[in-house]
Structures are given as structure tokens and as C-alpha cells.
C-alpha atoms as a PDB file:
ATOM      1  CA  UNK A   1      -0.377  -0.269  -0.322  1.00  0.00           C
ATOM      2  CA  UNK A   2       2.840   2.391   0.588  1.00  0.00           C
ATOM      3  CA  UNK A   3       4.872   1.936  -2.569  1.00  0.00           C
ATOM      4  CA  UNK A   4       0.889   2.506  -4.065  1.00  0.00           C
ATOM      5  CA  UNK A   5       0.343   5.608  -2.480  1.00  0.00           C
ATOM      6  CA  UNK A   6       3.784   6.788  -2.904  1.00  0.00           C
ATOM      7  CA  UNK A   7       4.079   6.224  -6.882  1.00  0.00           C
ATOM      8  CA  UNK A   8       0.373   8.038  -7.419  1.00  0.00           C
ATOM      9  CA  UNK A   9       0.575  10.584  -5.021  1.00  0.00           C
ATOM     10  CA  UNK A  10       2.582  12.973  -6.853  1.00  0.00           C
ATOM     11  CA  UNK A  11       0.224  13.031 -10.097  1.00  0.00           C
ATOM     12  CA  UNK A  12      -3.494  12.928  -7.802  1.00  0.00           C
ATOM     13  CA  UNK A  13      -1.333  16.325  -6.306  1.00  0.00           C
ATOM     14  CA  UNK A  14      -1.001  17.721  -9.221  1.00  0.00           C
ATOM     15  CA  UNK A  15      -4.268  17.583 -11.002  1.00  0.00           C
ATOM     16  CA  UNK A  16      -6.045  18.525  -7.404  1.00  0.00           C
ATOM     17  CA  UNK A  17      -4.247  22.114  -7.334  1.00  0.00           C
ATOM     18  CA  UNK A  18      -5.240  22.325 -10.917  1.00  0.00           C
ATOM     19  CA  UNK A  19      -8.712  22.042  -9.963  1.00  0.00           C
ATOM     20  CA  UNK A  20     -10.756  24.942 -10.490  1.00  0.00           C
ATOM     21  CA  UNK A  21     -11.532  26.650  -7.223  1.00  0.00           C
ATOM     22  CA  UNK A  22      -8.971  24.378  -5.315  1.00  0.00           C
ATOM     23  CA  UNK A  23      -7.586  26.950  -2.643  1.00  0.00           C
ATOM     24  CA  UNK A  24      -4.810  24.196  -1.244  1.00  0.00           C
ATOM     25  CA  UNK A  25      -3.976  20.650  -1.128  1.00  0.00           C
ATOM     26  CA  UNK A  26      -1.653  18.907   1.026  1.00  0.00           C
ATOM     27  CA  UNK A  27      -0.579  15.560   1.408  1.00  0.00           C
ATOM     28  CA  UNK A  28       1.961  14.812   4.436  1.00  0.00           C
ATOM     29  CA  UNK A  29       3.244  11.623   5.924  1.00  0.00           C
ATOM     30  CA  UNK A  30       3.185  11.149   9.623  1.00  0.00           C
ATOM     31  CA  UNK A  31       4.913   8.720  12.147  1.00  0.00           C
ATOM     32  CA  UNK A  32       2.830   5.973  11.240  1.00  0.00           C
ATOM     33  CA  UNK A  33       4.183   5.335   7.330  1.00  0.00           C
ATOM     34  CA  UNK A  34       0.733   3.656   6.685  1.00  0.00           C
ATOM     35  CA  UNK A  35      -0.897   7.183   7.473  1.00  0.00           C
ATOM     36  CA  UNK A  36      -1.211  10.314   5.483  1.00  0.00           C
ATOM     37  CA  UNK A  37      -2.375  13.491   6.685  1.00  0.00           C
ATOM     38  CA  UNK A  38      -4.585  15.268   4.135  1.00  0.00           C
ATOM     39  CA  UNK A  39      -5.419  18.546   4.337  1.00  0.00           C
ATOM     40  CA  UNK A  40      -7.062  20.582   1.397  1.00  0.00           C
ATOM     41  CA  UNK A  41      -8.930  23.958   1.289  1.00  0.00           C
ATOM     42  CA  UNK A  42     -11.336  24.671  -1.475  1.00  0.00           C
ATOM     43  CA  UNK A  43     -13.037  27.615  -2.735  1.00  0.00           C
ATOM     44  CA  UNK A  44     -16.701  26.559  -1.752  1.00  0.00           C
ATOM     45  CA  UNK A  45     -18.989  23.381  -2.109  1.00  0.00           C
ATOM     46  CA  UNK A  46     -19.016  23.359  -5.487  1.00  0.00           C
ATOM     47  CA  UNK A  47     -15.674  23.190  -5.993  1.00  0.00           C
ATOM     48  CA  UNK A  48     -15.154  20.541  -3.100  1.00  0.00           C
ATOM     49  CA  UNK A  49     -17.987  18.312  -5.402  1.00  0.00           C
ATOM     50  CA  UNK A  50     -15.992  18.628  -8.109  1.00  0.00           C
ATOM     51  CA  UNK A  51     -13.100  17.658  -6.593  1.00  0.00           C
ATOM     52  CA  UNK A  52     -14.759  14.406  -4.757  1.00  0.00           C
ATOM     53  CA  UNK A  53     -16.306  13.895  -8.246  1.00  0.00           C
ATOM     54  CA  UNK A  54     -13.234  14.410 -10.380  1.00  0.00           C
ATOM     55  CA  UNK A  55     -11.349  12.158  -7.745  1.00  0.00           C
ATOM     56  CA  UNK A  56     -13.481   9.321  -7.666  1.00  0.00           C
ATOM     57  CA  UNK A  57     -13.247   8.953 -11.669  1.00  0.00           C
ATOM     58  CA  UNK A  58      -9.704   8.837 -11.463  1.00  0.00           C
ATOM     59  CA  UNK A  59      -6.810   6.316 -12.012  1.00  0.00           C
ATOM     60  CA  UNK A  60      -5.989   7.430  -8.247  1.00  0.00           C
ATOM     61  CA  UNK A  61      -9.154   6.412  -6.533  1.00  0.00           C
ATOM     62  CA  UNK A  62      -8.580   2.799  -8.643  1.00  0.00           C
ATOM     63  CA  UNK A  63      -5.088   2.154  -7.337  1.00  0.00           C
ATOM     64  CA  UNK A  64      -5.431   2.822  -3.940  1.00  0.00           C
ATOM     65  CA  UNK A  65      -9.460   1.478  -3.818  1.00  0.00           C
ATOM     66  CA  UNK A  66      -8.190  -1.073  -0.876  1.00  0.00           C
ATOM     67  CA  UNK A  67      -7.131   1.473   1.107  1.00  0.00           C
ATOM     68  CA  UNK A  68      -8.725   2.759   3.938  1.00  0.00           C
ATOM     69  CA  UNK A  69      -9.654   6.058   4.046  1.00  0.00           C
ATOM     70  CA  UNK A  70     -10.934   8.337   6.935  1.00  0.00           C
ATOM     71  CA  UNK A  71     -12.702  11.793   6.217  1.00  0.00           C
ATOM     72  CA  UNK A  72     -13.256  14.707   8.476  1.00  0.00           C
ATOM     73  CA  UNK A  73     -14.854  17.490   6.273  1.00  0.00           C
ATOM     74  CA  UNK A  74     -15.855  21.024   7.717  1.00  0.00           C
ATOM     75  CA  UNK A  75     -16.594  24.721   6.923  1.00  0.00           C
ATOM     76  CA  UNK A  76     -19.288  23.618   3.620  1.00  0.00           C
ATOM     77  CA  UNK A  77     -22.298  24.834   5.988  1.00  0.00           C
END
């Protein structure tokens, strides 16, 4: 899993940062080699939803489909 993420992550980050409405998108490693911290900010709900849709149709999503994800979303009210 680690190698899959490391090989696919740069392109995922590049594509995400190029999305309309992406203010920031940063992924950092933690002390646990199987856990990454993702901090992302989008201009508005529409930009966030575009990101979600694009991601789920991407090579990134397919390559990392077996990896557990935990999300906490805030500020979209």
C-alpha cells in the first residue's frame, strides 16, 4: 500500500491543485508509515464536490481502492 500511494500521489496532488476552486491541497506523512495527513481547502461547496467527483473517476481512486480512508469535512455549511 505504501508503494502504491507513493507512486500515485504526486500526480493526484498535481491534478487536484489544478482543479478550479482548489485553494490548497497538501499531503504529509505521519510517524505511522501507513497514515498520511491530507489538508485541503476549496473555494466553495461546488469546488469541493467537483474534486470529489473527479477523484472518484481517477486512476488514483482505482489504484488506492483497497486503502482505508477516514474523512473529516468542515466548513461547507
